[in-house]
Amino acid sequence: MPAYQPKTRALCTCRPGIARDNCPNCEGTGQVIDFRAIRALNSHTNPYERLVSLGVPLDHHESDLYVRGTAEAVEIVKASGWSYSYFRSERTGEMGQLWIELPFAYAPWWQERLGAR
């Protein structure tokens, strides 16, 4: 698979020289750069809403989100790019079940403290 290339191969309309060196569209390359694709590639989306919509069993403590380790939950968490770790439950009735911990991923905790910005 070839490396990701942010240049669109479209020529920029800026002029060579100082104008090109300071051009926000091509950053001096002469070819338009796809900054939206770069931001999308580097952004980590919080998987909370998707997990809730699928009805995956969830729990939390403060801002940390705990997700039952079902196959679909594991897939969503891995695709999100969010940092995670696995652990086995020690609760009565759930002893040994696989869960996933996502630090700082419980969105309602953040919304309550930061507001809907």
PDB file of N, CA and C in Angstrom:
ATOM      1  N   MET A   1       0.844  -1.172   0.000  1.00  0.00           N
ATOM      2  CA  MET A   1       0.000   0.000   0.000  1.00  0.00           C
ATOM      3  C   MET A   1       0.896   1.243   0.000  1.00  0.00           C
ATOM      4  N   PRO A   2       0.653   2.188  -0.901  1.00  0.00           N
ATOM      5  CA  PRO A   2       1.484   3.393  -0.955  1.00  0.00           C
ATOM      6  C   PRO A   2       1.248   4.279   0.262  1.00  0.00           C
ATOM      7  N   ALA A   3       2.251   5.063   0.626  1.00  0.00           N
ATOM      8  CA  ALA A   3       2.131   5.989   1.751  1.00  0.00           C
ATOM      9  C   ALA A   3       1.095   7.060   1.430  1.00  0.00           C
ATOM     10  N   TYR A   4       0.443   7.569   2.476  1.00  0.00           N
ATOM     11  CA  TYR A   4      -0.557   8.609   2.288  1.00  0.00           C
ATOM     12  C   TYR A   4       0.095   9.864   1.728  1.00  0.00           C
ATOM     13  N   GLN A   5      -0.499  10.431   0.695  1.00  0.00           N
ATOM     14  CA  GLN A   5       0.032  11.630   0.046  1.00  0.00           C
ATOM     15  C   GLN A   5      -1.016  12.734   0.155  1.00  0.00           C
ATOM     16  N   PRO A   6      -0.737  13.784   0.945  1.00  0.00           N
ATOM     17  CA  PRO A   6      -1.729  14.838   1.132  1.00  0.00           C
ATOM     18  C   PRO A   6      -1.877  15.791  -0.050  1.00  0.00           C
ATOM     19  N   LYS A   7      -0.955  15.753  -1.008  1.00  0.00           N
ATOM     20  CA  LYS A   7      -1.079  16.649  -2.166  1.00  0.00           C
ATOM     21  C   LYS A   7      -2.149  16.106  -3.106  1.00  0.00           C
ATOM     22  N   THR A   8      -2.954  16.996  -3.644  1.00  0.00           N
ATOM     23  CA  THR A   8      -4.051  16.588  -4.521  1.00  0.00           C
ATOM     24  C   THR A   8      -3.618  16.502  -5.988  1.00  0.00           C
ATOM     25  N   ARG A   9      -2.402  16.907  -6.278  1.00  0.00           N
ATOM     26  CA  ARG A   9      -1.839  16.980  -7.631  1.00  0.00           C
ATOM     27  C   ARG A   9      -2.432  18.115  -8.454  1.00  0.00           C
ATOM     28  N   ALA A  10      -3.332  18.891  -7.832  1.00  0.00           N
ATOM     29  CA  ALA A  10      -3.866  20.080  -8.497  1.00  0.00           C
ATOM     30  C   ALA A  10      -2.885  21.215  -8.262  1.00  0.00           C
ATOM     31  N   LEU A  11      -2.569  21.951  -9.294  1.00  0.00           N
ATOM     32  CA  LEU A  11      -1.634  23.061  -9.146  1.00  0.00           C
ATOM     33  C   LEU A  11      -2.275  24.207  -8.383  1.00  0.00           C
ATOM     34  N   CYS A  12      -1.501  24.793  -7.496  1.00  0.00           N
ATOM     35  CA  CYS A  12      -1.975  25.928  -6.710  1.00  0.00           C
ATOM     36  C   CYS A  12      -1.950  27.187  -7.586  1.00  0.00           C
ATOM     37  N   THR A  13      -2.816  28.132  -7.291  1.00  0.00           N
ATOM     38  CA  THR A  13      -2.900  29.369  -8.076  1.00  0.00           C
ATOM     39  C   THR A  13      -1.947  30.450  -7.577  1.00  0.00           C
ATOM     40  N   CYS A  14      -1.173  30.160  -6.535  1.00  0.00           N
ATOM     41  CA  CYS A  14      -0.241  31.166  -6.021  1.00  0.00           C
ATOM     42  C   CYS A  14       0.940  31.334  -6.985  1.00  0.00           C
ATOM     43  N   ARG A  15       1.643  32.444  -6.848  1.00  0.00           N
ATOM     44  CA  ARG A  15       2.796  32.720  -7.704  1.00  0.00           C
ATOM     45  C   ARG A  15       4.075  32.241  -7.022  1.00  0.00           C
ATOM     46  N   PRO A  16       5.043  31.785  -7.821  1.00  0.00           N
ATOM     47  CA  PRO A  16       6.323  31.379  -7.225  1.00  0.00           C
ATOM     48  C   PRO A  16       6.988  32.549  -6.500  1.00  0.00           C
ATOM     49  N   GLY A  17       7.789  32.216  -5.503  1.00  0.00           N
ATOM     50  CA  GLY A  17       8.496  33.242  -4.733  1.00  0.00           C
ATOM     51  C   GLY A  17       7.913  33.372  -3.343  1.00  0.00           C
ATOM     52  N   ILE A  18       7.912  34.608  -2.844  1.00  0.00           N
ATOM     53  CA  ILE A  18       7.445  34.853  -1.478  1.00  0.00           C
ATOM     54  C   ILE A  18       5.977  34.476  -1.322  1.00  0.00           C
ATOM     55  N   ALA A  19       5.168  34.758  -2.334  1.00  0.00           N
ATOM     56  CA  ALA A  19       3.743  34.421  -2.266  1.00  0.00           C
ATOM     57  C   ALA A  19       3.555  32.918  -2.078  1.00  0.00           C
ATOM     58  N   ARG A  20       4.349  32.117  -2.757  1.00  0.00           N
ATOM     59  CA  ARG A  20       4.242  30.662  -2.637  1.00  0.00           C
ATOM     60  C   ARG A  20       4.752  30.193  -1.278  1.00  0.00           C
ATOM     61  N   ASP A  21       5.819  30.805  -0.801  1.00  0.00           N
ATOM     62  CA  ASP A  21       6.362  30.414   0.504  1.00  0.00           C
ATOM     63  C   ASP A  21       5.348  30.619   1.621  1.00  0.00           C
ATOM     64  N   ASN A  22       4.495  31.620   1.466  1.00  0.00           N
ATOM     65  CA  ASN A  22       3.500  31.933   2.501  1.00  0.00           C
ATOM     66  C   ASN A  22       2.097  31.445   2.144  1.00  0.00           C
ATOM     67  N   CYS A  23       1.957  30.655   1.121  1.00  0.00           N
ATOM     68  CA  CYS A  23       0.638  30.211   0.662  1.00  0.00           C
ATOM     69  C   CYS A  23       0.022  29.177   1.625  1.00  0.00           C
ATOM     70  N   PRO A  24      -1.177  29.448   2.142  1.00  0.00           N
ATOM     71  CA  PRO A  24      -1.818  28.503   3.047  1.00  0.00           C
ATOM     72  C   PRO A  24      -2.418  27.286   2.342  1.00  0.00           C
ATOM     73  N   ASN A  25      -2.564  27.348   1.026  1.00  0.00           N
ATOM     74  CA  ASN A  25      -3.163  26.231   0.292  1.00  0.00           C
ATOM     75  C   ASN A  25      -2.153  25.152  -0.109  1.00  0.00           C
ATOM     76  N   CYS A  26      -0.900  25.571  -0.350  1.00  0.00           N
ATOM     77  CA  CYS A  26       0.092  24.588  -0.802  1.00  0.00           C
ATOM     78  C   CYS A  26       1.336  24.525   0.082  1.00  0.00           C
ATOM     79  N   GLU A  27       1.473  25.474   1.006  1.00  0.00           N
ATOM     80  CA  GLU A  27       2.623  25.549   1.905  1.00  0.00           C
ATOM     81  C   GLU A  27       3.960  25.475   1.157  1.00  0.00           C
ATOM     82  N   GLY A  28       4.006  26.151   0.010  1.00  0.00           N
ATOM     83  CA  GLY A  28       5.252  26.260  -0.748  1.00  0.00           C
ATOM     84  C   GLY A  28       5.543  25.110  -1.692  1.00  0.00           C
ATOM     85  N   THR A  29       4.642  24.132  -1.799  1.00  0.00           N
ATOM     86  CA  THR A  29       4.898  22.976  -2.660  1.00  0.00           C
ATOM     87  C   THR A  29       4.471  23.215  -4.100  1.00  0.00           C
ATOM     88  N   GLY A  30       3.542  24.168  -4.311  1.00  0.00           N
ATOM     89  CA  GLY A  30       3.020  24.412  -5.649  1.00  0.00           C
ATOM     90  C   GLY A  30       1.833  23.522  -5.991  1.00  0.00           C
ATOM     91  N   GLN A  31       1.532  22.546  -5.131  1.00  0.00           N
ATOM     92  CA  GLN A  31       0.375  21.674  -5.314  1.00  0.00           C
ATOM     93  C   GLN A  31      -0.557  21.826  -4.119  1.00  0.00           C
ATOM     94  N   VAL A  32      -1.867  21.884  -4.402  1.00  0.00           N
ATOM     95  CA  VAL A  32      -2.855  22.055  -3.342  1.00  0.00           C
ATOM     96  C   VAL A  32      -2.786  20.850  -2.399  1.00  0.00           C
ATOM     97  N   ILE A  33      -2.816  21.127  -1.086  1.00  0.00           N
ATOM     98  CA  ILE A  33      -2.763  20.078  -0.066  1.00  0.00           C
ATOM     99  C   ILE A  33      -4.157  19.874   0.511  1.00  0.00           C
ATOM    100  N   ASP A  34      -4.546  18.627   0.689  1.00  0.00           N
ATOM    101  CA  ASP A  34      -5.862  18.278   1.226  1.00  0.00           C
ATOM    102  C   ASP A  34      -5.800  18.257   2.757  1.00  0.00           C
ATOM    103  N   PHE A  35      -5.957  19.428   3.383  1.00  0.00           N
ATOM    104  CA  PHE A  35      -5.854  19.534   4.832  1.00  0.00           C
ATOM    105  C   PHE A  35      -7.009  18.831   5.541  1.00  0.00           C
ATOM    106  N   ARG A  36      -8.184  18.793   4.940  1.00  0.00           N
ATOM    107  CA  ARG A  36      -9.332  18.101   5.543  1.00  0.00           C
ATOM    108  C   ARG A  36      -9.023  16.616   5.698  1.00  0.00           C
ATOM    109  N   ALA A  37      -8.406  16.017   4.687  1.00  0.00           N
ATOM    110  CA  ALA A  37      -8.043  14.603   4.769  1.00  0.00           C
ATOM    111  C   ALA A  37      -6.988  14.361   5.840  1.00  0.00           C
ATOM    112  N   ILE A  38      -6.061  15.286   5.978  1.00  0.00           N
ATOM    113  CA  ILE A  38      -5.026  15.155   7.009  1.00  0.00           C
ATOM    114  C   ILE A  38      -5.656  15.213   8.398  1.00  0.00           C
ATOM    115  N   ARG A  39      -6.571  16.166   8.616  1.00  0.00           N
ATOM    116  CA  ARG A  39      -7.236  16.266   9.921  1.00  0.00           C
ATOM    117  C   ARG A  39      -8.059  15.013  10.203  1.00  0.00           C
ATOM    118  N   ALA A  40      -8.746  14.495   9.202  1.00  0.00           N
ATOM    119  CA  ALA A  40      -9.545  13.284   9.394  1.00  0.00           C
ATOM    120  C   ALA A  40      -8.658  12.091   9.714  1.00  0.00           C
ATOM    121  N   LEU A  41      -7.516  12.018   9.089  1.00  0.00           N
ATOM    122  CA  LEU A  41      -6.578  10.925   9.317  1.00  0.00           C
ATOM    123  C   LEU A  41      -6.028  10.968  10.735  1.00  0.00           C
ATOM    124  N   ASN A  42      -5.819  12.158  11.259  1.00  0.00           N
ATOM    125  CA  ASN A  42      -5.208  12.323  12.574  1.00  0.00           C
ATOM    126  C   ASN A  42      -6.202  12.462  13.715  1.00  0.00           C
ATOM    127  N   SER A  43      -7.478  12.541  13.421  1.00  0.00           N
ATOM    128  CA  SER A  43      -8.445  12.743  14.501  1.00  0.00           C
ATOM    129  C   SER A  43      -8.883  11.403  15.084  1.00  0.00           C
ATOM    130  N   HIS A  44      -9.075  11.405  16.393  1.00  0.00           N
ATOM    131  CA  HIS A  44      -9.560  10.226  17.087  1.00  0.00           C
ATOM    132  C   HIS A  44     -10.979  10.543  17.531  1.00  0.00           C
ATOM    133  N   THR A  45     -11.936   9.790  17.034  1.00  0.00           N
ATOM    134  CA  THR A  45     -13.319  10.062  17.378  1.00  0.00           C
ATOM    135  C   THR A  45     -13.706   9.272  18.619  1.00  0.00           C
ATOM    136  N   ASN A  46     -14.450   9.919  19.499  1.00  0.00           N
ATOM    137  CA  ASN A  46     -14.914   9.263  20.702  1.00  0.00           C
ATOM    138  C   ASN A  46     -15.978   8.236  20.320  1.00  0.00           C
ATOM    139  N   PRO A  47     -15.783   6.973  20.669  1.00  0.00           N
ATOM    140  CA  PRO A  47     -16.714   5.911  20.264  1.00  0.00           C
ATOM    141  C   PRO A  47     -17.982   5.836  21.112  1.00  0.00           C
ATOM    142  N   TYR A  48     -18.132   6.686  22.121  1.00  0.00           N
ATOM    143  CA  TYR A  48     -19.253   6.588  23.057  1.00  0.00           C
ATOM    144  C   TYR A  48     -20.616   6.562  22.358  1.00  0.00           C
ATOM    145  N   GLU A  49     -20.908   7.545  21.517  1.00  0.00           N
ATOM    146  CA  GLU A  49     -22.224   7.639  20.866  1.00  0.00           C
ATOM    147  C   GLU A  49     -22.532   6.395  20.029  1.00  0.00           C
ATOM    148  N   ARG A  50     -21.543   5.917  19.308  1.00  0.00           N
ATOM    149  CA  ARG A  50     -21.756   4.731  18.459  1.00  0.00           C
ATOM    150  C   ARG A  50     -22.049   3.505  19.313  1.00  0.00           C
ATOM    151  N   LEU A  51     -21.338   3.347  20.419  1.00  0.00           N
ATOM    152  CA  LEU A  51     -21.560   2.208  21.312  1.00  0.00           C
ATOM    153  C   LEU A  51     -22.944   2.272  21.953  1.00  0.00           C
ATOM    154  N   VAL A  52     -23.368   3.467  22.357  1.00  0.00           N
ATOM    155  CA  VAL A  52     -24.703   3.640  22.945  1.00  0.00           C
ATOM    156  C   VAL A  52     -25.776   3.282  21.925  1.00  0.00           C
ATOM    157  N   SER A  53     -25.623   3.756  20.693  1.00  0.00           N
ATOM    158  CA  SER A  53     -26.639   3.496  19.659  1.00  0.00           C
ATOM    159  C   SER A  53     -26.765   2.012  19.332  1.00  0.00           C
ATOM    160  N   LEU A  54     -25.695   1.250  19.524  1.00  0.00           N
ATOM    161  CA  LEU A  54     -25.748  -0.194  19.268  1.00  0.00           C
ATOM    162  C   LEU A  54     -26.211  -0.996  20.480  1.00  0.00           C
ATOM    163  N   GLY A  55     -26.368  -0.326  21.614  1.00  0.00           N
ATOM    164  CA  GLY A  55     -26.851  -1.004  22.811  1.00  0.00           C
ATOM    165  C   GLY A  55     -25.802  -1.861  23.497  1.00  0.00           C
ATOM    166  N   VAL A  56     -24.541  -1.570  23.286  1.00  0.00           N
ATOM    167  CA  VAL A  56     -23.466  -2.318  23.934  1.00  0.00           C
ATOM    168  C   VAL A  56     -23.478  -1.971  25.430  1.00  0.00           C
ATOM    169  N   PRO A  57     -23.375  -2.967  26.330  1.00  0.00           N
ATOM    170  CA  PRO A  57     -23.353  -2.673  27.764  1.00  0.00           C
ATOM    171  C   PRO A  57     -22.177  -1.766  28.139  1.00  0.00           C
ATOM    172  N   LEU A  58     -22.487  -0.670  28.839  1.00  0.00           N
ATOM    173  CA  LEU A  58     -21.485   0.322  29.223  1.00  0.00           C
ATOM    174  C   LEU A  58     -21.546   0.582  30.720  1.00  0.00           C
ATOM    175  N   ASP A  59     -20.460   1.085  31.236  1.00  0.00           N
ATOM    176  CA  ASP A  59     -20.390   1.573  32.606  1.00  0.00           C
ATOM    177  C   ASP A  59     -19.334   2.678  32.603  1.00  0.00           C
ATOM    178  N   HIS A  60     -19.215   3.391  33.700  1.00  0.00           N
ATOM    179  CA  HIS A  60     -18.202   4.451  33.754  1.00  0.00           C
ATOM    180  C   HIS A  60     -17.837   4.757  35.193  1.00  0.00           C
ATOM    181  N   HIS A  61     -16.711   5.373  35.362  1.00  0.00           N
ATOM    182  CA  HIS A  61     -16.302   5.974  36.626  1.00  0.00           C
ATOM    183  C   HIS A  61     -15.668   7.301  36.258  1.00  0.00           C
ATOM    184  N   GLU A  62     -16.299   8.391  36.761  1.00  0.00           N
ATOM    185  CA  GLU A  62     -15.847   9.722  36.386  1.00  0.00           C
ATOM    186  C   GLU A  62     -15.808   9.815  34.848  1.00  0.00           C
ATOM    187  N   SER A  63     -14.654  10.144  34.262  1.00  0.00           N
ATOM    188  CA  SER A  63     -14.574  10.319  32.805  1.00  0.00           C
ATOM    189  C   SER A  63     -14.158   9.055  32.060  1.00  0.00           C
ATOM    190  N   ASP A  64     -13.858   7.976  32.803  1.00  0.00           N
ATOM    191  CA  ASP A  64     -13.428   6.737  32.159  1.00  0.00           C
ATOM    192  C   ASP A  64     -14.634   5.889  31.749  1.00  0.00           C
ATOM    193  N   LEU A  65     -14.598   5.383  30.548  1.00  0.00           N
ATOM    194  CA  LEU A  65     -15.683   4.579  30.001  1.00  0.00           C
ATOM    195  C   LEU A  65     -15.282   3.111  30.022  1.00  0.00           C
ATOM    196  N   TYR A  66     -16.223   2.263  30.431  1.00  0.00           N
ATOM    197  CA  TYR A  66     -16.010   0.817  30.438  1.00  0.00           C
ATOM    198  C   TYR A  66     -17.033   0.183  29.511  1.00  0.00           C
ATOM    199  N   VAL A  67     -16.581  -0.666  28.613  1.00  0.00           N
ATOM    200  CA  VAL A  67     -17.418  -1.265  27.582  1.00  0.00           C
ATOM    201  C   VAL A  67     -17.290  -2.773  27.653  1.00  0.00           C
ATOM    202  N   ARG A  68     -18.428  -3.477  27.665  1.00  0.00           N
ATOM    203  CA  ARG A  68     -18.380  -4.939  27.630  1.00  0.00           C
ATOM    204  C   ARG A  68     -17.667  -5.348  26.349  1.00  0.00           C
ATOM    205  N   GLY A  69     -16.762  -6.287  26.441  1.00  0.00           N
ATOM    206  CA  GLY A  69     -15.890  -6.661  25.326  1.00  0.00           C
ATOM    207  C   GLY A  69     -16.536  -7.567  24.296  1.00  0.00           C
ATOM    208  N   THR A  70     -17.659  -7.142  23.735  1.00  0.00           N
ATOM    209  CA  THR A  70     -18.282  -7.908  22.651  1.00  0.00           C
ATOM    210  C   THR A  70     -17.479  -7.711  21.364  1.00  0.00           C
ATOM    211  N   ALA A  71     -17.694  -8.586  20.398  1.00  0.00           N
ATOM    212  CA  ALA A  71     -16.955  -8.494  19.132  1.00  0.00           C
ATOM    213  C   ALA A  71     -17.185  -7.146  18.452  1.00  0.00           C
ATOM    214  N   GLU A  72     -18.444  -6.685  18.424  1.00  0.00           N
ATOM    215  CA  GLU A  72     -18.724  -5.399  17.755  1.00  0.00           C
ATOM    216  C   GLU A  72     -18.120  -4.232  18.541  1.00  0.00           C
ATOM    217  N   ALA A  73     -18.108  -4.310  19.878  1.00  0.00           N
ATOM    218  CA  ALA A  73     -17.512  -3.237  20.675  1.00  0.00           C
ATOM    219  C   ALA A  73     -16.011  -3.156  20.434  1.00  0.00           C
ATOM    220  N   VAL A  74     -15.347  -4.296  20.388  1.00  0.00           N
ATOM    221  CA  VAL A  74     -13.905  -4.322  20.136  1.00  0.00           C
ATOM    222  C   VAL A  74     -13.593  -3.688  18.786  1.00  0.00           C
ATOM    223  N   GLU A  75     -14.387  -4.013  17.781  1.00  0.00           N
ATOM    224  CA  GLU A  75     -14.190  -3.462  16.432  1.00  0.00           C
ATOM    225  C   GLU A  75     -14.353  -1.935  16.429  1.00  0.00           C
ATOM    226  N   ILE A  76     -15.379  -1.435  17.101  1.00  0.00           N
ATOM    227  CA  ILE A  76     -15.635   0.007  17.154  1.00  0.00           C
ATOM    228  C   ILE A  76     -14.506   0.729  17.884  1.00  0.00           C
ATOM    229  N   VAL A  77     -14.091   0.168  19.004  1.00  0.00           N
ATOM    230  CA  VAL A  77     -13.032   0.796  19.800  1.00  0.00           C
ATOM    231  C   VAL A  77     -11.724   0.843  19.015  1.00  0.00           C
ATOM    232  N   LYS A  78     -11.366  -0.248  18.371  1.00  0.00           N
ATOM    233  CA  LYS A  78     -10.128  -0.274  17.583  1.00  0.00           C
ATOM    234  C   LYS A  78     -10.179   0.726  16.432  1.00  0.00           C
ATOM    235  N   ALA A  79     -11.325   0.829  15.774  1.00  0.00           N
ATOM    236  CA  ALA A  79     -11.469   1.741  14.634  1.00  0.00           C
ATOM    237  C   ALA A  79     -11.444   3.206  15.073  1.00  0.00           C
ATOM    238  N   SER A  80     -11.793   3.471  16.327  1.00  0.00           N
ATOM    239  CA  SER A  80     -11.864   4.862  16.800  1.00  0.00           C
ATOM    240  C   SER A  80     -10.489   5.488  16.985  1.00  0.00           C
ATOM    241  N   GLY A  81      -9.468   4.668  17.190  1.00  0.00           N
ATOM    242  CA  GLY A  81      -8.136   5.199  17.439  1.00  0.00           C
ATOM    243  C   GLY A  81      -7.936   5.634  18.888  1.00  0.00           C
ATOM    244  N   TRP A  82      -8.945   5.421  19.735  1.00  0.00           N
ATOM    245  CA  TRP A  82      -8.881   5.818  21.133  1.00  0.00           C
ATOM    246  C   TRP A  82      -7.985   4.844  21.900  1.00  0.00           C
ATOM    247  N   SER A  83      -7.264   5.338  22.886  1.00  0.00           N
ATOM    248  CA  SER A  83      -6.426   4.492  23.734  1.00  0.00           C
ATOM    249  C   SER A  83      -7.333   3.588  24.577  1.00  0.00           C
ATOM    250  N   TYR A  84      -6.977   2.322  24.714  1.00  0.00           N
ATOM    251  CA  TYR A  84      -7.817   1.401  25.479  1.00  0.00           C
ATOM    252  C   TYR A  84      -6.974   0.283  26.088  1.00  0.00           C
ATOM    253  N   SER A  85      -7.575  -0.412  27.050  1.00  0.00           N
ATOM    254  CA  SER A  85      -6.961  -1.608  27.623  1.00  0.00           C
ATOM    255  C   SER A  85      -8.077  -2.575  28.007  1.00  0.00           C
ATOM    256  N   TYR A  86      -7.726  -3.849  28.128  1.00  0.00           N
ATOM    257  CA  TYR A  86      -8.699  -4.885  28.490  1.00  0.00           C
ATOM    258  C   TYR A  86      -8.563  -5.234  29.964  1.00  0.00           C
ATOM    259  N   PHE A  87      -9.669  -5.670  30.571  1.00  0.00           N
ATOM    260  CA  PHE A  87      -9.611  -6.219  31.928  1.00  0.00           C
ATOM    261  C   PHE A  87     -10.765  -7.205  32.102  1.00  0.00           C
ATOM    262  N   ARG A  88     -10.654  -8.059  33.105  1.00  0.00           N
ATOM    263  CA  ARG A  88     -11.699  -9.035  33.429  1.00  0.00           C
ATOM    264  C   ARG A  88     -12.489  -8.531  34.629  1.00  0.00           C
ATOM    265  N   SER A  89     -13.813  -8.635  34.541  1.00  0.00           N
ATOM    266  CA  SER A  89     -14.694  -8.161  35.599  1.00  0.00           C
ATOM    267  C   SER A  89     -14.554  -9.019  36.853  1.00  0.00           C
ATOM    268  N   GLU A  90     -14.679  -8.375  38.002  1.00  0.00           N
ATOM    269  CA  GLU A  90     -14.671  -9.082  39.282  1.00  0.00           C
ATOM    270  C   GLU A  90     -15.993  -8.890  40.019  1.00  0.00           C
ATOM    271  N   ARG A  91     -17.008  -8.356  39.319  1.00  0.00           N
ATOM    272  CA  ARG A  91     -18.325  -8.161  39.916  1.00  0.00           C
ATOM    273  C   ARG A  91     -19.039  -9.503  40.057  1.00  0.00           C
ATOM    274  N   THR A  92     -19.864  -9.605  41.071  1.00  0.00           N
ATOM    275  CA  THR A  92     -20.686 -10.792  41.250  1.00  0.00           C
ATOM    276  C   THR A  92     -21.643 -10.910  40.064  1.00  0.00           C
ATOM    277  N   GLY A  93     -21.717 -12.062  39.487  1.00  0.00           N
ATOM    278  CA  GLY A  93     -22.587 -12.300  38.334  1.00  0.00           C
ATOM    279  C   GLY A  93     -21.918 -12.002  37.003  1.00  0.00           C
ATOM    280  N   GLU A  94     -20.789 -11.331  37.012  1.00  0.00           N
ATOM    281  CA  GLU A  94     -20.056 -11.017  35.773  1.00  0.00           C
ATOM    282  C   GLU A  94     -18.617 -11.514  35.847  1.00  0.00           C
ATOM    283  N   MET A  95     -18.303 -12.311  36.845  1.00  0.00           N
ATOM    284  CA  MET A  95     -16.939 -12.728  37.113  1.00  0.00           C
ATOM    285  C   MET A  95     -16.242 -13.246  35.852  1.00  0.00           C
ATOM    286  N   GLY A  96     -15.124 -12.630  35.523  1.00  0.00           N
ATOM    287  CA  GLY A  96     -14.294 -13.084  34.413  1.00  0.00           C
ATOM    288  C   GLY A  96     -14.684 -12.567  33.032  1.00  0.00           C
ATOM    289  N   GLN A  97     -15.774 -11.797  32.923  1.00  0.00           N
ATOM    290  CA  GLN A  97     -16.167 -11.277  31.609  1.00  0.00           C
ATOM    291  C   GLN A  97     -15.194 -10.202  31.154  1.00  0.00           C
ATOM    292  N   LEU A  98     -14.935 -10.192  29.849  1.00  0.00           N
ATOM    293  CA  LEU A  98     -14.000  -9.223  29.272  1.00  0.00           C
ATOM    294  C   LEU A  98     -14.657  -7.854  29.134  1.00  0.00           C
ATOM    295  N   TRP A  99     -13.948  -6.814  29.601  1.00  0.00           N
ATOM    296  CA  TRP A  99     -14.374  -5.434  29.449  1.00  0.00           C
ATOM    297  C   TRP A  99     -13.224  -4.644  28.846  1.00  0.00           C
ATOM    298  N   ILE A 100     -13.559  -3.484  28.287  1.00  0.00           N
ATOM    299  CA  ILE A 100     -12.568  -2.590  27.695  1.00  0.00           C
ATOM    300  C   ILE A 100     -12.639  -1.268  28.460  1.00  0.00           C
ATOM    301  N   GLU A 101     -11.487  -0.755  28.863  1.00  0.00           N
ATOM    302  CA  GLU A 101     -11.428   0.543  29.525  1.00  0.00           C
ATOM    303  C   GLU A 101     -10.927   1.585  28.537  1.00  0.00           C
ATOM    304  N   LEU A 102     -11.672   2.686  28.415  1.00  0.00           N
ATOM    305  CA  LEU A 102     -11.271   3.803  27.561  1.00  0.00           C
ATOM    306  C   LEU A 102     -11.124   5.040  28.440  1.00  0.00           C
ATOM    307  N   PRO A 103      -9.895   5.394  28.810  1.00  0.00           N
ATOM    308  CA  PRO A 103      -9.696   6.567  29.662  1.00  0.00           C
ATOM    309  C   PRO A 103     -10.212   7.848  29.006  1.00  0.00           C
ATOM    310  N   PHE A 104     -10.919   8.641  29.789  1.00  0.00           N
ATOM    311  CA  PHE A 104     -11.415   9.966  29.379  1.00  0.00           C
ATOM    312  C   PHE A 104     -12.443   9.918  28.245  1.00  0.00           C
ATOM    313  N   ALA A 105     -13.081   8.784  27.993  1.00  0.00           N
ATOM    314  CA  ALA A 105     -13.996   8.659  26.848  1.00  0.00           C
ATOM    315  C   ALA A 105     -15.473   8.726  27.210  1.00  0.00           C
ATOM    316  N   TYR A 106     -15.816   8.898  28.490  1.00  0.00           N
ATOM    317  CA  TYR A 106     -17.229   8.991  28.862  1.00  0.00           C
ATOM    318  C   TYR A 106     -17.712  10.400  28.565  1.00  0.00           C
ATOM    319  N   ALA A 107     -18.297  10.590  27.384  1.00  0.00           N
ATOM    320  CA  ALA A 107     -18.676  11.904  26.858  1.00  0.00           C
ATOM    321  C   ALA A 107     -19.604  12.707  27.772  1.00  0.00           C
ATOM    322  N   PRO A 108     -20.629  12.107  28.415  1.00  0.00           N
ATOM    323  CA  PRO A 108     -21.508  12.917  29.276  1.00  0.00           C
ATOM    324  C   PRO A 108     -20.769  13.604  30.427  1.00  0.00           C
ATOM    325  N   TRP A 109     -19.735  12.985  30.949  1.00  0.00           N
ATOM    326  CA  TRP A 109     -18.949  13.595  32.016  1.00  0.00           C
ATOM    327  C   TRP A 109     -18.318  14.891  31.519  1.00  0.00           C
ATOM    328  N   TRP A 110     -17.754  14.851  30.309  1.00  0.00           N
ATOM    329  CA  TRP A 110     -17.098  16.030  29.738  1.00  0.00           C
ATOM    330  C   TRP A 110     -18.128  17.093  29.369  1.00  0.00           C
ATOM    331  N   GLN A 111     -19.266  16.686  28.835  1.00  0.00           N
ATOM    332  CA  GLN A 111     -20.293  17.651  28.460  1.00  0.00           C
ATOM    333  C   GLN A 111     -20.817  18.398  29.683  1.00  0.00           C
ATOM    334  N   GLU A 112     -20.962  17.694  30.799  1.00  0.00           N
ATOM    335  CA  GLU A 112     -21.429  18.324  32.038  1.00  0.00           C
ATOM    336  C   GLU A 112     -20.435  19.358  32.552  1.00  0.00           C
ATOM    337  N   ARG A 113     -19.163  19.064  32.442  1.00  0.00           N
ATOM    338  CA  ARG A 113     -18.145  19.966  32.975  1.00  0.00           C
ATOM    339  C   ARG A 113     -17.730  21.075  32.011  1.00  0.00           C
ATOM    340  N   LEU A 114     -17.714  20.758  30.736  1.00  0.00           N
ATOM    341  CA  LEU A 114     -17.263  21.742  29.750  1.00  0.00           C
ATOM    342  C   LEU A 114     -18.407  22.426  29.038  1.00  0.00           C
ATOM    343  N   GLY A 115     -19.599  21.901  29.165  1.00  0.00           N
ATOM    344  CA  GLY A 115     -20.743  22.449  28.450  1.00  0.00           C
ATOM    345  C   GLY A 115     -20.713  21.984  27.006  1.00  0.00           C
ATOM    346  N   ALA A 116     -21.754  22.264  26.289  1.00  0.00           N
ATOM    347  CA  ALA A 116     -21.857  21.865  24.868  1.00  0.00           C
ATOM    348  C   ALA A 116     -21.140  22.897  24.026  1.00  0.00           C
ATOM    349  N   ARG A 117     -19.825  22.815  23.946  1.00  0.00           N
ATOM    350  CA  ARG A 117     -19.043  23.786  23.174  1.00  0.00           C
ATOM    351  C   ARG A 117     -19.015  23.447  21.725  1.00  0.00           C
TER     352      ARG A 117
END
